[in-house]
Amino acid sequence: MGKVLGEKMKELRIQLGLKQADLLKKLDISSGRYSQYETGIRNPSYELLIKIADFYGVTTDYLLGHQSISQVILDEKILLAAYRQLDVKGKEDVKKYIRFSLFEQETGKETEPHHKEKVV
C-alpha cells in the first residue's frame, strides 16, 4: 500500500483545502498516525481504508493506485466531498447557487446579484 496510498490521500486532502487536523475527528485517528499514512510509513487497517475512501468519495482501488480517475470525475468527487462537509445552511446555499447558475445558463441572461433569491 504505502507510498501510493499516502500520495493519493495527501493529494485529495490538499485539493479539498483541508489540513490533517480537519480529518482527525472524522476518521477518529491521531495526528501522528494520519501523518504516517500520508508519508507511507504506516498503512491503515482495511476498515479505515474504506472509511478514508468513503470520506473522499473515491474507491479503495483508486487510493491504492489500481484505478485511475479522469480529472473531471476527480473534480466532481472532490466537490461532492466538500459539499458533504457543509452544514445544512451551507448545502442550501450551494443548491441555490447551482439553480441560479443553471437559470442564467439556460436563459443566456445574467441577473444582477440582488435578484438571485427571486430567481431561485
PDB file of N, CA and C in Angstrom:
ATOM      1  N   MET A   1       0.845  -1.191   0.000  1.00  0.00           N
ATOM      2  CA  MET A   1       0.000   0.000   0.000  1.00  0.00           C
ATOM      3  C   MET A   1       0.880   1.240   0.000  1.00  0.00           C
ATOM      4  N   GLY A   2       1.402   1.592   1.146  1.00  0.00           N
ATOM      5  CA  GLY A   2       2.356   2.633   1.443  1.00  0.00           C
ATOM      6  C   GLY A   2       2.350   3.927   0.674  1.00  0.00           C
ATOM      7  N   LYS A   3       3.396   4.074  -0.145  1.00  0.00           N
ATOM      8  CA  LYS A   3       3.687   5.360  -0.753  1.00  0.00           C
ATOM      9  C   LYS A   3       2.566   5.865  -1.675  1.00  0.00           C
ATOM     10  N   VAL A   4       2.052   5.006  -2.535  1.00  0.00           N
ATOM     11  CA  VAL A   4       0.986   5.431  -3.451  1.00  0.00           C
ATOM     12  C   VAL A   4      -0.236   5.878  -2.662  1.00  0.00           C
ATOM     13  N   LEU A   5      -0.622   5.094  -1.676  1.00  0.00           N
ATOM     14  CA  LEU A   5      -1.768   5.439  -0.843  1.00  0.00           C
ATOM     15  C   LEU A   5      -1.561   6.791  -0.173  1.00  0.00           C
ATOM     16  N   GLY A   6      -0.407   6.988   0.420  1.00  0.00           N
ATOM     17  CA  GLY A   6      -0.108   8.249   1.094  1.00  0.00           C
ATOM     18  C   GLY A   6      -0.161   9.440   0.156  1.00  0.00           C
ATOM     19  N   GLU A   7       0.384   9.264  -1.036  1.00  0.00           N
ATOM     20  CA  GLU A   7       0.363  10.352  -2.023  1.00  0.00           C
ATOM     21  C   GLU A   7      -1.062  10.696  -2.434  1.00  0.00           C
ATOM     22  N   LYS A   8      -1.884   9.677  -2.637  1.00  0.00           N
ATOM     23  CA  LYS A   8      -3.290   9.914  -3.016  1.00  0.00           C
ATOM     24  C   LYS A   8      -4.044  10.619  -1.893  1.00  0.00           C
ATOM     25  N   MET A   9      -3.820  10.163  -0.664  1.00  0.00           N
ATOM     26  CA  MET A   9      -4.504  10.786   0.477  1.00  0.00           C
ATOM     27  C   MET A   9      -4.115  12.257   0.597  1.00  0.00           C
ATOM     28  N   LYS A  10      -2.844  12.540   0.463  1.00  0.00           N
ATOM     29  CA  LYS A  10      -2.364  13.918   0.582  1.00  0.00           C
ATOM     30  C   LYS A  10      -2.923  14.773  -0.555  1.00  0.00           C
ATOM     31  N   GLU A  11      -2.883  14.240  -1.763  1.00  0.00           N
ATOM     32  CA  GLU A  11      -3.391  14.962  -2.939  1.00  0.00           C
ATOM     33  C   GLU A  11      -4.863  15.330  -2.761  1.00  0.00           C
ATOM     34  N   LEU A  12      -5.680  14.370  -2.333  1.00  0.00           N
ATOM     35  CA  LEU A  12      -7.103  14.628  -2.138  1.00  0.00           C
ATOM     36  C   LEU A  12      -7.338  15.639  -1.021  1.00  0.00           C
ATOM     37  N   ARG A  13      -6.596  15.498   0.062  1.00  0.00           N
ATOM     38  CA  ARG A  13      -6.751  16.415   1.197  1.00  0.00           C
ATOM     39  C   ARG A  13      -6.424  17.843   0.778  1.00  0.00           C
ATOM     40  N   ILE A  14      -5.338  18.013   0.055  1.00  0.00           N
ATOM     41  CA  ILE A  14      -4.923  19.355  -0.384  1.00  0.00           C
ATOM     42  C   ILE A  14      -5.934  19.932  -1.377  1.00  0.00           C
ATOM     43  N   GLN A  15      -6.420  19.094  -2.285  1.00  0.00           N
ATOM     44  CA  GLN A  15      -7.400  19.580  -3.263  1.00  0.00           C
ATOM     45  C   GLN A  15      -8.695  20.032  -2.592  1.00  0.00           C
ATOM     46  N   LEU A  16      -9.005  19.444  -1.460  1.00  0.00           N
ATOM     47  CA  LEU A  16     -10.192  19.863  -0.709  1.00  0.00           C
ATOM     48  C   LEU A  16      -9.909  21.068   0.174  1.00  0.00           C
ATOM     49  N   GLY A  17      -8.643  21.464   0.258  1.00  0.00           N
ATOM     50  CA  GLY A  17      -8.275  22.591   1.098  1.00  0.00           C
ATOM     51  C   GLY A  17      -8.328  22.251   2.579  1.00  0.00           C
ATOM     52  N   LEU A  18      -8.094  20.987   2.910  1.00  0.00           N
ATOM     53  CA  LEU A  18      -8.159  20.550   4.300  1.00  0.00           C
ATOM     54  C   LEU A  18      -6.766  20.400   4.898  1.00  0.00           C
ATOM     55  N   LYS A  19      -6.705  20.531   6.199  1.00  0.00           N
ATOM     56  CA  LYS A  19      -5.480  20.248   6.943  1.00  0.00           C
ATOM     57  C   LYS A  19      -5.653  18.861   7.544  1.00  0.00           C
ATOM     58  N   GLN A  20      -4.539  18.250   7.905  1.00  0.00           N
ATOM     59  CA  GLN A  20      -4.630  16.929   8.532  1.00  0.00           C
ATOM     60  C   GLN A  20      -5.542  16.978   9.749  1.00  0.00           C
ATOM     61  N   ALA A  21      -5.452  18.051  10.502  1.00  0.00           N
ATOM     62  CA  ALA A  21      -6.267  18.182  11.718  1.00  0.00           C
ATOM     63  C   ALA A  21      -7.758  18.131  11.408  1.00  0.00           C
ATOM     64  N   ASP A  22      -8.152  18.575  10.221  1.00  0.00           N
ATOM     65  CA  ASP A  22      -9.563  18.558   9.841  1.00  0.00           C
ATOM     66  C   ASP A  22     -10.118  17.137   9.725  1.00  0.00           C
ATOM     67  N   LEU A  23      -9.245  16.182   9.464  1.00  0.00           N
ATOM     68  CA  LEU A  23      -9.686  14.816   9.225  1.00  0.00           C
ATOM     69  C   LEU A  23      -9.672  13.940  10.469  1.00  0.00           C
ATOM     70  N   LEU A  24      -8.961  14.357  11.486  1.00  0.00           N
ATOM     71  CA  LEU A  24      -8.740  13.504  12.651  1.00  0.00           C
ATOM     72  C   LEU A  24     -10.039  13.076  13.328  1.00  0.00           C
ATOM     73  N   LYS A  25     -10.946  14.017  13.562  1.00  0.00           N
ATOM     74  CA  LYS A  25     -12.219  13.665  14.201  1.00  0.00           C
ATOM     75  C   LYS A  25     -13.071  12.799  13.292  1.00  0.00           C
ATOM     76  N   LYS A  26     -13.083  13.142  12.017  1.00  0.00           N
ATOM     77  CA  LYS A  26     -13.922  12.411  11.077  1.00  0.00           C
ATOM     78  C   LYS A  26     -13.466  10.958  10.925  1.00  0.00           C
ATOM     79  N   LEU A  27     -12.150  10.745  11.001  1.00  0.00           N
ATOM     80  CA  LEU A  27     -11.614   9.394  10.840  1.00  0.00           C
ATOM     81  C   LEU A  27     -11.298   8.728  12.174  1.00  0.00           C
ATOM     82  N   ASP A  28     -11.418   9.506  13.258  1.00  0.00           N
ATOM     83  CA  ASP A  28     -11.170   9.001  14.603  1.00  0.00           C
ATOM     84  C   ASP A  28      -9.764   8.409  14.756  1.00  0.00           C
ATOM     85  N   ILE A  29      -8.764   9.218  14.347  1.00  0.00           N
ATOM     86  CA  ILE A  29      -7.366   8.796  14.483  1.00  0.00           C
ATOM     87  C   ILE A  29      -6.525   9.958  14.998  1.00  0.00           C
ATOM     88  N   SER A  30      -5.318   9.651  15.447  1.00  0.00           N
ATOM     89  CA  SER A  30      -4.416  10.679  15.961  1.00  0.00           C
ATOM     90  C   SER A  30      -3.671  11.350  14.806  1.00  0.00           C
ATOM     91  N   SER A  31      -3.151  12.554  15.078  1.00  0.00           N
ATOM     92  CA  SER A  31      -2.427  13.292  14.032  1.00  0.00           C
ATOM     93  C   SER A  31      -1.165  12.553  13.610  1.00  0.00           C
ATOM     94  N   GLY A  32      -0.484  11.953  14.570  1.00  0.00           N
ATOM     95  CA  GLY A  32       0.732  11.215  14.243  1.00  0.00           C
ATOM     96  C   GLY A  32       0.459  10.046  13.318  1.00  0.00           C
ATOM     97  N   ARG A  33      -0.616   9.344  13.595  1.00  0.00           N
ATOM     98  CA  ARG A  33      -0.967   8.185  12.772  1.00  0.00           C
ATOM     99  C   ARG A  33      -1.350   8.622  11.359  1.00  0.00           C
ATOM    100  N   TYR A  34      -2.177   9.673  11.248  1.00  0.00           N
ATOM    101  CA  TYR A  34      -2.565  10.129   9.904  1.00  0.00           C
ATOM    102  C   TYR A  34      -1.339  10.575   9.115  1.00  0.00           C
ATOM    103  N   SER A  35      -0.444  11.277   9.775  1.00  0.00           N
ATOM    104  CA  SER A  35       0.791  11.724   9.122  1.00  0.00           C
ATOM    105  C   SER A  35       1.596  10.528   8.615  1.00  0.00           C
ATOM    106  N   GLN A  36       1.618   9.466   9.384  1.00  0.00           N
ATOM    107  CA  GLN A  36       2.339   8.261   8.961  1.00  0.00           C
ATOM    108  C   GLN A  36       1.681   7.629   7.739  1.00  0.00           C
ATOM    109  N   TYR A  37       0.380   7.725   7.631  1.00  0.00           N
ATOM    110  CA  TYR A  37      -0.305   7.210   6.443  1.00  0.00           C
ATOM    111  C   TYR A  37       0.090   8.012   5.209  1.00  0.00           C
ATOM    112  N   GLU A  38       0.073   9.331   5.336  1.00  0.00           N
ATOM    113  CA  GLU A  38       0.398  10.182   4.185  1.00  0.00           C
ATOM    114  C   GLU A  38       1.852  10.041   3.753  1.00  0.00           C
ATOM    115  N   THR A  39       2.736   9.775   4.680  1.00  0.00           N
ATOM    116  CA  THR A  39       4.156   9.628   4.317  1.00  0.00           C
ATOM    117  C   THR A  39       4.506   8.198   3.917  1.00  0.00           C
ATOM    118  N   GLY A  40       3.566   7.278   4.062  1.00  0.00           N
ATOM    119  CA  GLY A  40       3.804   5.905   3.652  1.00  0.00           C
ATOM    120  C   GLY A  40       4.538   5.067   4.688  1.00  0.00           C
ATOM    121  N   ILE A  41       4.729   5.611   5.873  1.00  0.00           N
ATOM    122  CA  ILE A  41       5.419   4.878   6.936  1.00  0.00           C
ATOM    123  C   ILE A  41       4.534   3.766   7.479  1.00  0.00           C
ATOM    124  N   ARG A  42       3.259   4.013   7.517  1.00  0.00           N
ATOM    125  CA  ARG A  42       2.302   3.080   8.098  1.00  0.00           C
ATOM    126  C   ARG A  42       1.100   2.954   7.168  1.00  0.00           C
ATOM    127  N   ASN A  43       0.440   1.813   7.195  1.00  0.00           N
ATOM    128  CA  ASN A  43      -0.758   1.586   6.400  1.00  0.00           C
ATOM    129  C   ASN A  43      -1.981   1.505   7.301  1.00  0.00           C
ATOM    130  N   PRO A  44      -3.105   2.081   6.862  1.00  0.00           N
ATOM    131  CA  PRO A  44      -4.327   1.983   7.663  1.00  0.00           C
ATOM    132  C   PRO A  44      -4.898   0.567   7.592  1.00  0.00           C
ATOM    133  N   SER A  45      -5.735   0.242   8.549  1.00  0.00           N
ATOM    134  CA  SER A  45      -6.451  -1.039   8.505  1.00  0.00           C
ATOM    135  C   SER A  45      -7.389  -1.006   7.296  1.00  0.00           C
ATOM    136  N   TYR A  46      -7.880  -2.165   6.909  1.00  0.00           N
ATOM    137  CA  TYR A  46      -8.822  -2.204   5.788  1.00  0.00           C
ATOM    138  C   TYR A  46     -10.086  -1.418   6.103  1.00  0.00           C
ATOM    139  N   GLU A  47     -10.530  -1.498   7.353  1.00  0.00           N
ATOM    140  CA  GLU A  47     -11.727  -0.761   7.745  1.00  0.00           C
ATOM    141  C   GLU A  47     -11.506   0.744   7.606  1.00  0.00           C
ATOM    142  N   LEU A  48     -10.336   1.206   8.037  1.00  0.00           N
ATOM    143  CA  LEU A  48     -10.038   2.636   7.933  1.00  0.00           C
ATOM    144  C   LEU A  48      -9.820   3.042   6.479  1.00  0.00           C
ATOM    145  N   LEU A  49      -9.222   2.185   5.690  1.00  0.00           N
ATOM    146  CA  LEU A  49      -9.035   2.470   4.267  1.00  0.00           C
ATOM    147  C   LEU A  49     -10.387   2.710   3.601  1.00  0.00           C
ATOM    148  N   ILE A  50     -11.366   1.893   3.932  1.00  0.00           N
ATOM    149  CA  ILE A  50     -12.720   2.067   3.386  1.00  0.00           C
ATOM    150  C   ILE A  50     -13.317   3.383   3.872  1.00  0.00           C
ATOM    151  N   LYS A  51     -13.110   3.702   5.123  1.00  0.00           N
ATOM    152  CA  LYS A  51     -13.624   4.957   5.688  1.00  0.00           C
ATOM    153  C   LYS A  51     -12.990   6.164   4.993  1.00  0.00           C
ATOM    154  N   ILE A  52     -11.697   6.084   4.722  1.00  0.00           N
ATOM    155  CA  ILE A  52     -10.986   7.166   4.022  1.00  0.00           C
ATOM    156  C   ILE A  52     -11.529   7.310   2.596  1.00  0.00           C
ATOM    157  N   ALA A  53     -11.701   6.194   1.911  1.00  0.00           N
ATOM    158  CA  ALA A  53     -12.236   6.226   0.546  1.00  0.00           C
ATOM    159  C   ALA A  53     -13.635   6.831   0.532  1.00  0.00           C
ATOM    160  N   ASP A  54     -14.470   6.432   1.478  1.00  0.00           N
ATOM    161  CA  ASP A  54     -15.822   6.990   1.561  1.00  0.00           C
ATOM    162  C   ASP A  54     -15.784   8.487   1.836  1.00  0.00           C
ATOM    163  N   PHE A  55     -14.895   8.906   2.729  1.00  0.00           N
ATOM    164  CA  PHE A  55     -14.781  10.323   3.060  1.00  0.00           C
ATOM    165  C   PHE A  55     -14.457  11.148   1.812  1.00  0.00           C
ATOM    166  N   TYR A  56     -13.514  10.666   1.010  1.00  0.00           N
ATOM    167  CA  TYR A  56     -13.097  11.399  -0.188  1.00  0.00           C
ATOM    168  C   TYR A  56     -13.979  11.125  -1.401  1.00  0.00           C
ATOM    169  N   GLY A  57     -14.877  10.152  -1.301  1.00  0.00           N
ATOM    170  CA  GLY A  57     -15.750   9.838  -2.431  1.00  0.00           C
ATOM    171  C   GLY A  57     -15.029   9.138  -3.567  1.00  0.00           C
ATOM    172  N   VAL A  58     -14.014   8.344  -3.236  1.00  0.00           N
ATOM    173  CA  VAL A  58     -13.273   7.586  -4.240  1.00  0.00           C
ATOM    174  C   VAL A  58     -13.304   6.106  -3.844  1.00  0.00           C
ATOM    175  N   THR A  59     -12.790   5.257  -4.712  1.00  0.00           N
ATOM    176  CA  THR A  59     -12.729   3.834  -4.391  1.00  0.00           C
ATOM    177  C   THR A  59     -11.423   3.510  -3.681  1.00  0.00           C
ATOM    178  N   THR A  60     -11.422   2.387  -2.997  1.00  0.00           N
ATOM    179  CA  THR A  60     -10.170   1.941  -2.379  1.00  0.00           C
ATOM    180  C   THR A  60      -9.153   1.608  -3.468  1.00  0.00           C
ATOM    181  N   ASP A  61      -9.610   1.120  -4.603  1.00  0.00           N
ATOM    182  CA  ASP A  61      -8.688   0.854  -5.714  1.00  0.00           C
ATOM    183  C   ASP A  61      -7.983   2.128  -6.165  1.00  0.00           C
ATOM    184  N   TYR A  62      -8.711   3.227  -6.200  1.00  0.00           N
ATOM    185  CA  TYR A  62      -8.086   4.496  -6.569  1.00  0.00           C
ATOM    186  C   TYR A  62      -7.009   4.865  -5.549  1.00  0.00           C
ATOM    187  N   LEU A  63      -7.346   4.770  -4.259  1.00  0.00           N
ATOM    188  CA  LEU A  63      -6.371   5.119  -3.225  1.00  0.00           C
ATOM    189  C   LEU A  63      -5.123   4.247  -3.295  1.00  0.00           C
ATOM    190  N   LEU A  64      -5.303   3.006  -3.687  1.00  0.00           N
ATOM    191  CA  LEU A  64      -4.173   2.072  -3.746  1.00  0.00           C
ATOM    192  C   LEU A  64      -3.419   2.125  -5.071  1.00  0.00           C
ATOM    193  N   GLY A  65      -3.887   2.969  -5.994  1.00  0.00           N
ATOM    194  CA  GLY A  65      -3.183   3.132  -7.262  1.00  0.00           C
ATOM    195  C   GLY A  65      -3.542   2.109  -8.318  1.00  0.00           C
ATOM    196  N   HIS A  66      -4.630   1.358  -8.116  1.00  0.00           N
ATOM    197  CA  HIS A  66      -5.041   0.329  -9.070  1.00  0.00           C
ATOM    198  C   HIS A  66      -6.059   0.838 -10.078  1.00  0.00           C
ATOM    199  N   GLN A  67      -6.501   2.057  -9.914  1.00  0.00           N
ATOM    200  CA  GLN A  67      -7.542   2.604 -10.783  1.00  0.00           C
ATOM    201  C   GLN A  67      -7.272   4.088 -10.942  1.00  0.00           C
ATOM    202  N   SER A  68      -7.369   4.541 -12.164  1.00  0.00           N
ATOM    203  CA  SER A  68      -7.203   5.978 -12.371  1.00  0.00           C
ATOM    204  C   SER A  68      -8.582   6.608 -12.505  1.00  0.00           C
ATOM    205  N   ILE A  69      -8.617   7.882 -12.238  1.00  0.00           N
ATOM    206  CA  ILE A  69      -9.860   8.640 -12.358  1.00  0.00           C
ATOM    207  C   ILE A  69      -9.551   9.845 -13.222  1.00  0.00           C
ATOM    208  N   SER A  70     -10.391  10.097 -14.212  1.00  0.00           N
ATOM    209  CA  SER A  70     -10.153  11.275 -15.041  1.00  0.00           C
ATOM    210  C   SER A  70     -10.262  12.515 -14.159  1.00  0.00           C
ATOM    211  N   GLN A  71      -9.619  13.583 -14.571  1.00  0.00           N
ATOM    212  CA  GLN A  71      -9.614  14.806 -13.773  1.00  0.00           C
ATOM    213  C   GLN A  71     -11.029  15.345 -13.578  1.00  0.00           C
ATOM    214  N   VAL A  72     -11.878  15.192 -14.585  1.00  0.00           N
ATOM    215  CA  VAL A  72     -13.254  15.676 -14.462  1.00  0.00           C
ATOM    216  C   VAL A  72     -13.976  14.915 -13.356  1.00  0.00           C
ATOM    217  N   ILE A  73     -13.861  13.606 -13.363  1.00  0.00           N
ATOM    218  CA  ILE A  73     -14.519  12.806 -12.335  1.00  0.00           C
ATOM    219  C   ILE A  73     -13.912  13.107 -10.977  1.00  0.00           C
ATOM    220  N   LEU A  74     -12.589  13.250 -10.923  1.00  0.00           N
ATOM    221  CA  LEU A  74     -11.931  13.564  -9.660  1.00  0.00           C
ATOM    222  C   LEU A  74     -12.418  14.912  -9.131  1.00  0.00           C
ATOM    223  N   ASP A  75     -12.534  15.915 -10.004  1.00  0.00           N
ATOM    224  CA  ASP A  75     -13.041  17.220  -9.582  1.00  0.00           C
ATOM    225  C   ASP A  75     -14.451  17.094  -9.013  1.00  0.00           C
ATOM    226  N   GLU A  76     -15.291  16.296  -9.669  1.00  0.00           N
ATOM    227  CA  GLU A  76     -16.652  16.105  -9.176  1.00  0.00           C
ATOM    228  C   GLU A  76     -16.652  15.423  -7.812  1.00  0.00           C
ATOM    229  N   LYS A  77     -15.803  14.453  -7.634  1.00  0.00           N
ATOM    230  CA  LYS A  77     -15.733  13.743  -6.356  1.00  0.00           C
ATOM    231  C   LYS A  77     -15.224  14.670  -5.255  1.00  0.00           C
ATOM    232  N   ILE A  78     -14.280  15.532  -5.603  1.00  0.00           N
ATOM    233  CA  ILE A  78     -13.759  16.482  -4.623  1.00  0.00           C
ATOM    234  C   ILE A  78     -14.842  17.478  -4.232  1.00  0.00           C
ATOM    235  N   LEU A  79     -15.604  17.956  -5.216  1.00  0.00           N
ATOM    236  CA  LEU A  79     -16.714  18.861  -4.909  1.00  0.00           C
ATOM    237  C   LEU A  79     -17.756  18.171  -4.034  1.00  0.00           C
ATOM    238  N   LEU A  80     -18.050  16.924  -4.333  1.00  0.00           N
ATOM    239  CA  LEU A  80     -19.020  16.187  -3.535  1.00  0.00           C
ATOM    240  C   LEU A  80     -18.522  16.005  -2.102  1.00  0.00           C
ATOM    241  N   ALA A  81     -17.252  15.672  -1.959  1.00  0.00           N
ATOM    242  CA  ALA A  81     -16.688  15.509  -0.610  1.00  0.00           C
ATOM    243  C   ALA A  81     -16.734  16.831   0.153  1.00  0.00           C
ATOM    244  N   ALA A  82     -16.450  17.936  -0.535  1.00  0.00           N
ATOM    245  CA  ALA A  82     -16.518  19.255   0.116  1.00  0.00           C
ATOM    246  C   ALA A  82     -17.957  19.581   0.496  1.00  0.00           C
ATOM    247  N   TYR A  83     -18.902  19.275  -0.387  1.00  0.00           N
ATOM    248  CA  TYR A  83     -20.324  19.516  -0.104  1.00  0.00           C
ATOM    249  C   TYR A  83     -20.758  18.753   1.143  1.00  0.00           C
ATOM    250  N   ARG A  84     -20.285  17.537   1.264  1.00  0.00           N
ATOM    251  CA  ARG A  84     -20.649  16.713   2.425  1.00  0.00           C
ATOM    252  C   ARG A  84     -20.152  17.299   3.741  1.00  0.00           C
ATOM    253  N   GLN A  85     -19.156  18.157   3.684  1.00  0.00           N
ATOM    254  CA  GLN A  85     -18.610  18.766   4.892  1.00  0.00           C
ATOM    255  C   GLN A  85     -19.419  19.977   5.353  1.00  0.00           C
ATOM    256  N   LEU A  86     -20.284  20.489   4.479  1.00  0.00           N
ATOM    257  CA  LEU A  86     -21.062  21.676   4.804  1.00  0.00           C
ATOM    258  C   LEU A  86     -22.178  21.372   5.791  1.00  0.00           C
ATOM    259  N   ASP A  87     -22.563  22.405   6.540  1.00  0.00           N
ATOM    260  CA  ASP A  87     -23.733  22.263   7.400  1.00  0.00           C
ATOM    261  C   ASP A  87     -24.981  22.451   6.528  1.00  0.00           C
ATOM    262  N   VAL A  88     -26.144  22.342   7.119  1.00  0.00           N
ATOM    263  CA  VAL A  88     -27.403  22.416   6.368  1.00  0.00           C
ATOM    264  C   VAL A  88     -27.525  23.723   5.604  1.00  0.00           C
ATOM    265  N   LYS A  89     -27.219  24.849   6.248  1.00  0.00           N
ATOM    266  CA  LYS A  89     -27.317  26.145   5.573  1.00  0.00           C
ATOM    267  C   LYS A  89     -26.350  26.223   4.391  1.00  0.00           C
ATOM    268  N   GLY A  90     -25.142  25.749   4.587  1.00  0.00           N
ATOM    269  CA  GLY A  90     -24.155  25.754   3.505  1.00  0.00           C
ATOM    270  C   GLY A  90     -24.623  24.945   2.313  1.00  0.00           C
ATOM    271  N   LYS A  91     -25.227  23.779   2.585  1.00  0.00           N
ATOM    272  CA  LYS A  91     -25.743  22.940   1.498  1.00  0.00           C
ATOM    273  C   LYS A  91     -26.879  23.636   0.764  1.00  0.00           C
ATOM    274  N   GLU A  92     -27.754  24.314   1.499  1.00  0.00           N
ATOM    275  CA  GLU A  92     -28.849  25.056   0.862  1.00  0.00           C
ATOM    276  C   GLU A  92     -28.303  26.184  -0.009  1.00  0.00           C
ATOM    277  N   ASP A  93     -27.272  26.880   0.475  1.00  0.00           N
ATOM    278  CA  ASP A  93     -26.659  27.955  -0.304  1.00  0.00           C
ATOM    279  C   ASP A  93     -26.083  27.420  -1.615  1.00  0.00           C
ATOM    280  N   VAL A  94     -25.431  26.265  -1.563  1.00  0.00           N
ATOM    281  CA  VAL A  94     -24.860  25.662  -2.768  1.00  0.00           C
ATOM    282  C   VAL A  94     -25.974  25.305  -3.746  1.00  0.00           C
ATOM    283  N   LYS A  95     -27.047  24.721  -3.242  1.00  0.00           N
ATOM    284  CA  LYS A  95     -28.173  24.359  -4.118  1.00  0.00           C
ATOM    285  C   LYS A  95     -28.764  25.596  -4.794  1.00  0.00           C
ATOM    286  N   LYS A  96     -28.928  26.670  -4.036  1.00  0.00           N
ATOM    287  CA  LYS A  96     -29.464  27.909  -4.604  1.00  0.00           C
ATOM    288  C   LYS A  96     -28.533  28.449  -5.689  1.00  0.00           C
ATOM    289  N   TYR A  97     -27.247  28.415  -5.412  1.00  0.00           N
ATOM    290  CA  TYR A  97     -26.291  28.928  -6.392  1.00  0.00           C
ATOM    291  C   TYR A  97     -26.323  28.092  -7.673  1.00  0.00           C
ATOM    292  N   ILE A  98     -26.410  26.789  -7.535  1.00  0.00           N
ATOM    293  CA  ILE A  98     -26.462  25.924  -8.719  1.00  0.00           C
ATOM    294  C   ILE A  98     -27.720  26.205  -9.534  1.00  0.00           C
ATOM    295  N   ARG A  99     -28.873  26.305  -8.852  1.00  0.00           N
ATOM    296  CA  ARG A  99     -30.119  26.607  -9.575  1.00  0.00           C
ATOM    297  C   ARG A  99     -30.025  27.961 -10.279  1.00  0.00           C
ATOM    298  N   PHE A 100     -29.451  28.936  -9.609  1.00  0.00           N
ATOM    299  CA  PHE A 100     -29.285  30.257 -10.191  1.00  0.00           C
ATOM    300  C   PHE A 100     -28.372  30.197 -11.415  1.00  0.00           C
ATOM    301  N   SER A 101     -27.256  29.489 -11.296  1.00  0.00           N
ATOM    302  CA  SER A 101     -26.311  29.373 -12.413  1.00  0.00           C
ATOM    303  C   SER A 101     -26.942  28.653 -13.595  1.00  0.00           C
ATOM    304  N   LEU A 102     -27.719  27.605 -13.318  1.00  0.00           N
ATOM    305  CA  LEU A 102     -28.409  26.899 -14.398  1.00  0.00           C
ATOM    306  C   LEU A 102     -29.427  27.798 -15.087  1.00  0.00           C
ATOM    307  N   PHE A 103     -30.140  28.601 -14.303  1.00  0.00           N
ATOM    308  CA  PHE A 103     -31.104  29.541 -14.865  1.00  0.00           C
ATOM    309  C   PHE A 103     -30.402  30.514 -15.815  1.00  0.00           C
ATOM    310  N   GLU A 104     -29.305  31.075 -15.360  1.00  0.00           N
ATOM    311  CA  GLU A 104     -28.543  32.000 -16.209  1.00  0.00           C
ATOM    312  C   GLU A 104     -28.073  31.317 -17.485  1.00  0.00           C
ATOM    313  N   GLN A 105     -27.581  30.106 -17.345  1.00  0.00           N
ATOM    314  CA  GLN A 105     -27.070  29.366 -18.492  1.00  0.00           C
ATOM    315  C   GLN A 105     -28.185  29.068 -19.492  1.00  0.00           C
ATOM    316  N   GLU A 106     -29.343  28.646 -18.992  1.00  0.00           N
ATOM    317  CA  GLU A 106     -30.460  28.296 -19.859  1.00  0.00           C
ATOM    318  C   GLU A 106     -31.069  29.510 -20.553  1.00  0.00           C
ATOM    319  N   THR A 107     -31.121  30.626 -19.841  1.00  0.00           N
ATOM    320  CA  THR A 107     -31.757  31.811 -20.410  1.00  0.00           C
ATOM    321  C   THR A 107     -30.774  32.704 -21.157  1.00  0.00           C
ATOM    322  N   GLY A 108     -29.496  32.497 -20.895  1.00  0.00           N
ATOM    323  CA  GLY A 108     -28.486  33.341 -21.522  1.00  0.00           C
ATOM    324  C   GLY A 108     -28.446  34.734 -20.931  1.00  0.00           C
ATOM    325  N   LYS A 109     -29.126  34.915 -19.824  1.00  0.00           N
ATOM    326  CA  LYS A 109     -29.182  36.221 -19.173  1.00  0.00           C
ATOM    327  C   LYS A 109     -28.397  36.188 -17.881  1.00  0.00           C
ATOM    328  N   GLU A 110     -27.686  37.262 -17.657  1.00  0.00           N
ATOM    329  CA  GLU A 110     -27.019  37.409 -16.372  1.00  0.00           C
ATOM    330  C   GLU A 110     -27.891  38.294 -15.516  1.00  0.00           C
ATOM    331  N   THR A 111     -28.236  37.795 -14.362  1.00  0.00           N
ATOM    332  CA  THR A 111     -29.100  38.515 -13.448  1.00  0.00           C
ATOM    333  C   THR A 111     -28.245  39.241 -12.432  1.00  0.00           C
ATOM    334  N   GLU A 112     -28.667  40.414 -12.054  1.00  0.00           N
ATOM    335  CA  GLU A 112     -27.959  41.164 -11.027  1.00  0.00           C
ATOM    336  C   GLU A 112     -27.940  40.353  -9.733  1.00  0.00           C
ATOM    337  N   PRO A 113     -26.858  40.441  -8.959  1.00  0.00           N
ATOM    338  CA  PRO A 113     -26.754  39.659  -7.719  1.00  0.00           C
ATOM    339  C   PRO A 113     -27.929  39.834  -6.768  1.00  0.00           C
ATOM    340  N   HIS A 114     -28.540  41.026  -6.692  1.00  0.00           N
ATOM    341  CA  HIS A 114     -29.636  41.209  -5.751  1.00  0.00           C
ATOM    342  C   HIS A 114     -30.909  40.509  -6.205  1.00  0.00           C
ATOM    343  N   HIS A 115     -30.910  39.977  -7.426  1.00  0.00           N
ATOM    344  CA  HIS A 115     -32.083  39.254  -7.934  1.00  0.00           C
ATOM    345  C   HIS A 115     -31.954  37.739  -7.745  1.00  0.00           C
ATOM    346  N   LYS A 116     -30.837  37.273  -7.228  1.00  0.00           N
ATOM    347  CA  LYS A 116     -30.604  35.843  -7.108  1.00  0.00           C
ATOM    348  C   LYS A 116     -31.695  35.130  -6.334  1.00  0.00           C
ATOM    349  N   GLU A 117     -32.091  35.669  -5.217  1.00  0.00           N
ATOM    350  CA  GLU A 117     -33.071  34.998  -4.382  1.00  0.00           C
ATOM    351  C   GLU A 117     -34.416  34.892  -5.100  1.00  0.00           C
ATOM    352  N   LYS A 118     -34.761  35.859  -5.949  1.00  0.00           N
ATOM    353  CA  LYS A 118     -36.028  35.818  -6.651  1.00  0.00           C
ATOM    354  C   LYS A 118     -36.016  34.771  -7.752  1.00  0.00           C
ATOM    355  N   VAL A 119     -34.840  34.511  -8.334  1.00  0.00           N
ATOM    356  CA  VAL A 119     -34.723  33.583  -9.438  1.00  0.00           C
ATOM    357  C   VAL A 119     -34.758  32.148  -8.959  1.00  0.00           C
ATOM    358  N   VAL A 120     -34.228  31.927  -7.768  1.00  0.00           N
ATOM    359  CA  VAL A 120     -34.049  30.562  -7.261  1.00  0.00           C
ATOM    360  C   VAL A 120     -35.319  29.921  -6.869  1.00  0.00           C
TER     361      VAL A 120
END
